[in-house]
Amino acid sequence: MNKKTEKDLNKIVKTEKKLEKFSDLLSALTTTEDKKKLLWKEAYQNALDDRESANILFTDLLLQVKGSVTSHAQFGLLMSKYLERMAKSNDQILRLAELIAKEEDKQGFTSDDIFDQIGN
């Protein structure tokens, strides 16, 4: 297996572990509706996927632009869009953590527990 394939596989495994931890966190919310949990899980997965996709595109473009002033001028705006997408995904994950923290407050969990679960 080449290094790129191995690296991609490791990213997939890491994302799956994050989703599993997030699902475990949602399962602990006994008084929260299943429909809400499903939507939160989908939002989390989408944010992770969006962030990873933008990172791949940004990295690819960065390697092409490296050292070329002309390329920076041509692709700089596009690169900033990818960075904005990654930042927006991070904001979505933080917003999810806030929503879950509110639910867990009702059940006696701490916000530190939540951030520990979804931050790893």
N, C-alpha and C. Protein backbone atom coordinates (compact mmCIF):
# COMPACT_ATOMS: atom_id res chain seq x y z
N MET A 1 0.87 -1.18 0.00
CA MET A 1 0.00 0.00 0.00
C MET A 1 0.91 1.24 0.00
N ASN A 2 0.63 2.20 -0.90
CA ASN A 2 1.46 3.39 -0.94
C ASN A 2 1.11 4.34 0.21
N LYS A 3 1.98 5.32 0.43
CA LYS A 3 1.81 6.21 1.58
C LYS A 3 0.55 7.05 1.51
N LYS A 4 0.19 7.50 0.31
CA LYS A 4 -1.01 8.31 0.18
C LYS A 4 -2.26 7.50 0.52
N THR A 5 -2.32 6.27 0.03
CA THR A 5 -3.47 5.41 0.33
C THR A 5 -3.54 5.12 1.82
N GLU A 6 -2.40 4.87 2.41
CA GLU A 6 -2.35 4.59 3.85
C GLU A 6 -2.79 5.82 4.66
N LYS A 7 -2.34 6.99 4.22
CA LYS A 7 -2.72 8.23 4.90
C LYS A 7 -4.23 8.46 4.78
N ASP A 8 -4.78 8.25 3.59
CA ASP A 8 -6.22 8.41 3.37
C ASP A 8 -7.02 7.43 4.22
N LEU A 9 -6.54 6.21 4.30
CA LEU A 9 -7.20 5.19 5.12
C LEU A 9 -7.18 5.58 6.59
N ASN A 10 -6.07 6.10 7.05
CA ASN A 10 -5.97 6.55 8.45
C ASN A 10 -6.94 7.69 8.74
N LYS A 11 -7.13 8.59 7.78
CA LYS A 11 -8.08 9.68 7.95
C LYS A 11 -9.50 9.15 8.07
N ILE A 12 -9.82 8.16 7.25
CA ILE A 12 -11.17 7.57 7.30
C ILE A 12 -11.39 6.90 8.64
N VAL A 13 -10.42 6.16 9.11
CA VAL A 13 -10.54 5.48 10.41
C VAL A 13 -10.69 6.51 11.53
N LYS A 14 -9.92 7.57 11.46
CA LYS A 14 -9.99 8.62 12.48
C LYS A 14 -11.37 9.28 12.49
N THR A 15 -11.91 9.55 11.31
CA THR A 15 -13.24 10.15 11.21
C THR A 15 -14.30 9.19 11.75
N GLU A 16 -14.17 7.92 11.43
CA GLU A 16 -15.13 6.94 11.94
C GLU A 16 -15.09 6.86 13.46
N LYS A 17 -13.89 6.96 14.04
CA LYS A 17 -13.77 6.95 15.50
C LYS A 17 -14.43 8.19 16.11
N LYS A 18 -14.26 9.33 15.47
CA LYS A 18 -14.91 10.55 15.95
C LYS A 18 -16.42 10.40 15.91
N LEU A 19 -16.93 9.84 14.82
CA LEU A 19 -18.38 9.64 14.69
C LEU A 19 -18.88 8.65 15.74
N GLU A 20 -18.11 7.63 16.01
CA GLU A 20 -18.50 6.64 17.02
C GLU A 20 -18.56 7.28 18.41
N LYS A 21 -17.56 8.09 18.74
CA LYS A 21 -17.56 8.79 20.03
C LYS A 21 -18.74 9.75 20.13
N PHE A 22 -19.01 10.44 19.03
CA PHE A 22 -20.12 11.37 19.01
C PHE A 22 -21.44 10.63 19.20
N SER A 23 -21.58 9.48 18.54
CA SER A 23 -22.79 8.66 18.69
C SER A 23 -22.95 8.18 20.12
N ASP A 24 -21.84 7.80 20.75
CA ASP A 24 -21.88 7.38 22.15
C ASP A 24 -22.33 8.53 23.05
N LEU A 25 -21.83 9.71 22.74
CA LEU A 25 -22.23 10.90 23.50
C LEU A 25 -23.73 11.15 23.35
N LEU A 26 -24.24 11.04 22.13
CA LEU A 26 -25.67 11.25 21.91
C LEU A 26 -26.51 10.16 22.58
N SER A 27 -26.00 8.95 22.59
CA SER A 27 -26.73 7.85 23.23
C SER A 27 -26.91 8.08 24.71
N ALA A 28 -25.99 8.80 25.32
CA ALA A 28 -26.07 9.07 26.75
C ALA A 28 -27.17 10.09 27.08
N LEU A 29 -27.67 10.77 26.07
CA LEU A 29 -28.75 11.74 26.27
C LEU A 29 -30.09 11.00 26.26
N THR A 30 -30.49 10.53 27.40
CA THR A 30 -31.67 9.66 27.47
C THR A 30 -32.98 10.38 27.27
N THR A 31 -33.03 11.67 27.57
CA THR A 31 -34.30 12.39 27.45
C THR A 31 -34.43 13.16 26.13
N THR A 32 -33.42 13.08 25.28
CA THR A 32 -33.44 13.80 24.01
C THR A 32 -34.09 12.93 22.94
N GLU A 33 -34.89 13.56 22.09
CA GLU A 33 -35.59 12.85 21.02
C GLU A 33 -34.59 12.22 20.04
N ASP A 34 -34.93 11.04 19.56
CA ASP A 34 -34.07 10.34 18.60
C ASP A 34 -33.91 11.13 17.31
N LYS A 35 -34.96 11.81 16.89
CA LYS A 35 -34.90 12.59 15.66
C LYS A 35 -33.86 13.72 15.79
N LYS A 36 -33.83 14.36 16.95
CA LYS A 36 -32.86 15.42 17.19
C LYS A 36 -31.44 14.84 17.21
N LYS A 37 -31.26 13.69 17.82
CA LYS A 37 -29.95 13.04 17.85
C LYS A 37 -29.48 12.70 16.44
N LEU A 38 -30.38 12.20 15.62
CA LEU A 38 -30.04 11.85 14.25
C LEU A 38 -29.60 13.09 13.46
N LEU A 39 -30.34 14.18 13.62
CA LEU A 39 -29.98 15.42 12.93
C LEU A 39 -28.62 15.94 13.39
N TRP A 40 -28.37 15.87 14.69
CA TRP A 40 -27.07 16.31 15.22
C TRP A 40 -25.94 15.44 14.68
N LYS A 41 -26.17 14.15 14.60
CA LYS A 41 -25.14 13.24 14.08
C LYS A 41 -24.86 13.55 12.62
N GLU A 42 -25.91 13.77 11.84
CA GLU A 42 -25.73 14.11 10.43
C GLU A 42 -24.99 15.44 10.28
N ALA A 43 -25.34 16.42 11.09
CA ALA A 43 -24.66 17.72 11.03
C ALA A 43 -23.18 17.58 11.38
N TYR A 44 -22.89 16.77 12.38
CA TYR A 44 -21.50 16.54 12.78
C TYR A 44 -20.73 15.84 11.65
N GLN A 45 -21.33 14.81 11.08
CA GLN A 45 -20.67 14.09 9.99
C GLN A 45 -20.45 15.01 8.79
N ASN A 46 -21.45 15.82 8.46
CA ASN A 46 -21.30 16.76 7.34
C ASN A 46 -20.19 17.77 7.60
N ALA A 47 -20.11 18.27 8.84
CA ALA A 47 -19.07 19.24 9.17
C ALA A 47 -17.69 18.60 9.05
N LEU A 48 -17.55 17.37 9.53
CA LEU A 48 -16.26 16.67 9.40
C LEU A 48 -15.91 16.44 7.93
N ASP A 49 -16.90 16.01 7.15
CA ASP A 49 -16.66 15.75 5.72
C ASP A 49 -16.31 17.04 4.97
N ASP A 50 -17.05 18.11 5.26
CA ASP A 50 -16.78 19.40 4.60
C ASP A 50 -15.37 19.90 4.94
N ARG A 51 -15.02 19.78 6.20
CA ARG A 51 -13.70 20.24 6.64
C ARG A 51 -12.61 19.43 5.95
N GLU A 52 -12.78 18.13 5.89
CA GLU A 52 -11.77 17.27 5.26
C GLU A 52 -11.68 17.54 3.76
N SER A 53 -12.82 17.69 3.10
CA SER A 53 -12.81 17.97 1.66
C SER A 53 -12.12 19.30 1.36
N ALA A 54 -12.45 20.31 2.12
CA ALA A 54 -11.83 21.63 1.92
C ALA A 54 -10.33 21.55 2.19
N ASN A 55 -9.95 20.77 3.19
CA ASN A 55 -8.53 20.62 3.51
C ASN A 55 -7.79 19.94 2.36
N ILE A 56 -8.38 18.93 1.78
CA ILE A 56 -7.74 18.23 0.65
C ILE A 56 -7.57 19.19 -0.52
N LEU A 57 -8.62 19.93 -0.85
CA LEU A 57 -8.56 20.88 -1.97
C LEU A 57 -7.55 21.99 -1.69
N PHE A 58 -7.56 22.51 -0.48
CA PHE A 58 -6.62 23.56 -0.10
C PHE A 58 -5.18 23.07 -0.21
N THR A 59 -4.92 21.90 0.33
CA THR A 59 -3.56 21.35 0.31
C THR A 59 -3.09 21.11 -1.12
N ASP A 60 -3.96 20.57 -1.95
CA ASP A 60 -3.61 20.33 -3.35
C ASP A 60 -3.26 21.64 -4.05
N LEU A 61 -4.08 22.65 -3.84
CA LEU A 61 -3.83 23.95 -4.46
C LEU A 61 -2.57 24.60 -3.90
N LEU A 62 -2.36 24.46 -2.60
CA LEU A 62 -1.18 25.02 -1.97
C LEU A 62 0.10 24.45 -2.57
N LEU A 63 0.10 23.16 -2.83
CA LEU A 63 1.28 22.53 -3.44
C LEU A 63 1.51 23.04 -4.86
N GLN A 64 0.44 23.35 -5.57
CA GLN A 64 0.58 23.86 -6.94
C GLN A 64 1.03 25.32 -6.96
N VAL A 65 0.60 26.08 -5.97
CA VAL A 65 0.86 27.51 -5.92
C VAL A 65 2.23 27.83 -5.31
N LYS A 66 2.74 26.95 -4.54
CA LYS A 66 3.97 27.16 -3.76
C LYS A 66 5.07 27.82 -4.58
N GLY A 67 5.47 28.99 -4.14
CA GLY A 67 6.59 29.70 -4.73
C GLY A 67 6.29 30.49 -5.99
N SER A 68 5.06 30.55 -6.41
CA SER A 68 4.71 31.25 -7.64
C SER A 68 3.80 32.44 -7.32
N VAL A 69 4.33 33.62 -7.51
CA VAL A 69 3.56 34.84 -7.25
C VAL A 69 2.34 34.90 -8.17
N THR A 70 2.51 34.52 -9.41
CA THR A 70 1.41 34.53 -10.37
C THR A 70 0.30 33.59 -9.92
N SER A 71 0.68 32.41 -9.48
CA SER A 71 -0.32 31.44 -9.02
C SER A 71 -1.02 31.93 -7.76
N HIS A 72 -0.27 32.57 -6.87
CA HIS A 72 -0.89 33.13 -5.66
C HIS A 72 -1.96 34.15 -6.05
N ALA A 73 -1.63 35.00 -7.00
CA ALA A 73 -2.58 36.01 -7.44
C ALA A 73 -3.80 35.37 -8.09
N GLN A 74 -3.57 34.29 -8.81
CA GLN A 74 -4.65 33.63 -9.53
C GLN A 74 -5.54 32.80 -8.60
N PHE A 75 -4.94 32.13 -7.64
CA PHE A 75 -5.70 31.18 -6.82
C PHE A 75 -5.87 31.60 -5.36
N GLY A 76 -5.34 32.74 -4.98
CA GLY A 76 -5.42 33.18 -3.59
C GLY A 76 -6.84 33.27 -3.07
N LEU A 77 -7.74 33.82 -3.85
CA LEU A 77 -9.14 33.96 -3.43
C LEU A 77 -9.78 32.58 -3.21
N LEU A 78 -9.51 31.67 -4.12
CA LEU A 78 -10.05 30.32 -3.99
C LEU A 78 -9.51 29.63 -2.74
N MET A 79 -8.23 29.82 -2.47
CA MET A 79 -7.63 29.22 -1.28
C MET A 79 -8.28 29.78 -0.01
N SER A 80 -8.58 31.08 -0.02
CA SER A 80 -9.23 31.67 1.16
C SER A 80 -10.64 31.11 1.34
N LYS A 81 -11.31 30.79 0.24
CA LYS A 81 -12.65 30.17 0.33
C LYS A 81 -12.56 28.80 1.01
N TYR A 82 -11.51 28.04 0.67
CA TYR A 82 -11.34 26.74 1.31
C TYR A 82 -11.08 26.90 2.81
N LEU A 83 -10.27 27.88 3.16
CA LEU A 83 -10.02 28.15 4.58
C LEU A 83 -11.30 28.58 5.30
N GLU A 84 -12.10 29.39 4.64
CA GLU A 84 -13.39 29.81 5.22
C GLU A 84 -14.30 28.61 5.43
N ARG A 85 -14.31 27.67 4.49
CA ARG A 85 -15.14 26.46 4.61
C ARG A 85 -14.70 25.64 5.81
N MET A 86 -13.39 25.51 6.00
CA MET A 86 -12.88 24.77 7.15
C MET A 86 -13.26 25.47 8.46
N ALA A 87 -13.15 26.80 8.48
CA ALA A 87 -13.51 27.55 9.69
C ALA A 87 -15.00 27.44 9.97
N LYS A 88 -15.82 27.48 8.93
CA LYS A 88 -17.27 27.34 9.11
C LYS A 88 -17.61 25.96 9.66
N SER A 89 -16.93 24.94 9.18
CA SER A 89 -17.15 23.59 9.71
C SER A 89 -16.79 23.52 11.18
N ASN A 90 -15.69 24.15 11.54
CA ASN A 90 -15.30 24.19 12.96
C ASN A 90 -16.36 24.91 13.79
N ASP A 91 -16.88 26.00 13.27
CA ASP A 91 -17.94 26.73 13.97
C ASP A 91 -19.19 25.88 14.15
N GLN A 92 -19.52 25.08 13.13
CA GLN A 92 -20.69 24.20 13.23
C GLN A 92 -20.48 23.15 14.32
N ILE A 93 -19.28 22.62 14.42
CA ILE A 93 -18.99 21.63 15.45
C ILE A 93 -19.08 22.26 16.84
N LEU A 94 -18.59 23.47 16.97
CA LEU A 94 -18.69 24.17 18.26
C LEU A 94 -20.14 24.46 18.61
N ARG A 95 -20.93 24.83 17.64
CA ARG A 95 -22.36 25.09 17.88
C ARG A 95 -23.07 23.81 18.30
N LEU A 96 -22.73 22.70 17.69
CA LEU A 96 -23.30 21.42 18.10
C LEU A 96 -22.92 21.11 19.55
N ALA A 97 -21.68 21.38 19.91
CA ALA A 97 -21.24 21.14 21.28
C ALA A 97 -22.05 21.99 22.26
N GLU A 98 -22.35 23.22 21.88
CA GLU A 98 -23.17 24.08 22.74
C GLU A 98 -24.58 23.53 22.89
N LEU A 99 -25.17 23.07 21.79
CA LEU A 99 -26.52 22.50 21.85
C LEU A 99 -26.56 21.25 22.73
N ILE A 100 -25.56 20.42 22.57
CA ILE A 100 -25.51 19.19 23.37
C ILE A 100 -25.26 19.53 24.83
N ALA A 101 -24.44 20.54 25.07
CA ALA A 101 -24.18 20.95 26.46
C ALA A 101 -25.47 21.38 27.15
N LYS A 102 -26.32 22.09 26.43
CA LYS A 102 -27.61 22.49 27.00
C LYS A 102 -28.45 21.27 27.35
N GLU A 103 -28.45 20.28 26.46
CA GLU A 103 -29.20 19.05 26.72
C GLU A 103 -28.61 18.30 27.92
N GLU A 104 -27.29 18.26 27.99
CA GLU A 104 -26.65 17.53 29.07
C GLU A 104 -26.80 18.24 30.41
N ASP A 105 -26.89 19.57 30.37
CA ASP A 105 -27.14 20.30 31.62
C ASP A 105 -28.44 19.84 32.25
N LYS A 106 -29.39 19.53 31.39
CA LYS A 106 -30.67 19.04 31.89
C LYS A 106 -30.51 17.67 32.54
N GLN A 107 -29.47 16.94 32.14
CA GLN A 107 -29.26 15.58 32.64
C GLN A 107 -28.09 15.46 33.61
N GLY A 108 -27.40 16.56 33.87
CA GLY A 108 -26.33 16.55 34.87
C GLY A 108 -24.93 16.34 34.34
N PHE A 109 -24.71 16.37 33.03
CA PHE A 109 -23.36 16.26 32.48
C PHE A 109 -22.71 17.63 32.48
N THR A 110 -21.36 17.66 32.39
CA THR A 110 -20.64 18.94 32.31
C THR A 110 -20.24 19.22 30.87
N SER A 111 -20.04 20.50 30.55
CA SER A 111 -19.64 20.86 29.19
C SER A 111 -18.24 20.35 28.88
N ASP A 112 -17.39 20.22 29.89
CA ASP A 112 -16.06 19.67 29.65
C ASP A 112 -16.14 18.24 29.13
N ASP A 113 -17.10 17.46 29.64
CA ASP A 113 -17.29 16.09 29.17
C ASP A 113 -17.63 16.09 27.68
N ILE A 114 -18.45 17.01 27.26
CA ILE A 114 -18.90 17.08 25.87
C ILE A 114 -17.73 17.43 24.95
N PHE A 115 -17.00 18.49 25.30
CA PHE A 115 -15.89 18.92 24.45
C PHE A 115 -14.79 17.85 24.40
N ASP A 116 -14.59 17.14 25.50
CA ASP A 116 -13.62 16.04 25.50
C ASP A 116 -14.05 14.94 24.53
N GLN A 117 -15.34 14.65 24.50
CA GLN A 117 -15.85 13.59 23.64
C GLN A 117 -15.74 13.92 22.16
N ILE A 118 -16.12 15.13 21.77
CA ILE A 118 -16.14 15.44 20.33
C ILE A 118 -14.85 16.10 19.85
N GLY A 119 -14.00 16.48 20.76
CA GLY A 119 -12.75 17.15 20.37
C GLY A 119 -11.64 16.19 20.04
N ASN A 120 -11.75 14.94 20.39
CA ASN A 120 -10.67 13.98 20.15
C ASN A 120 -10.74 13.38 18.79
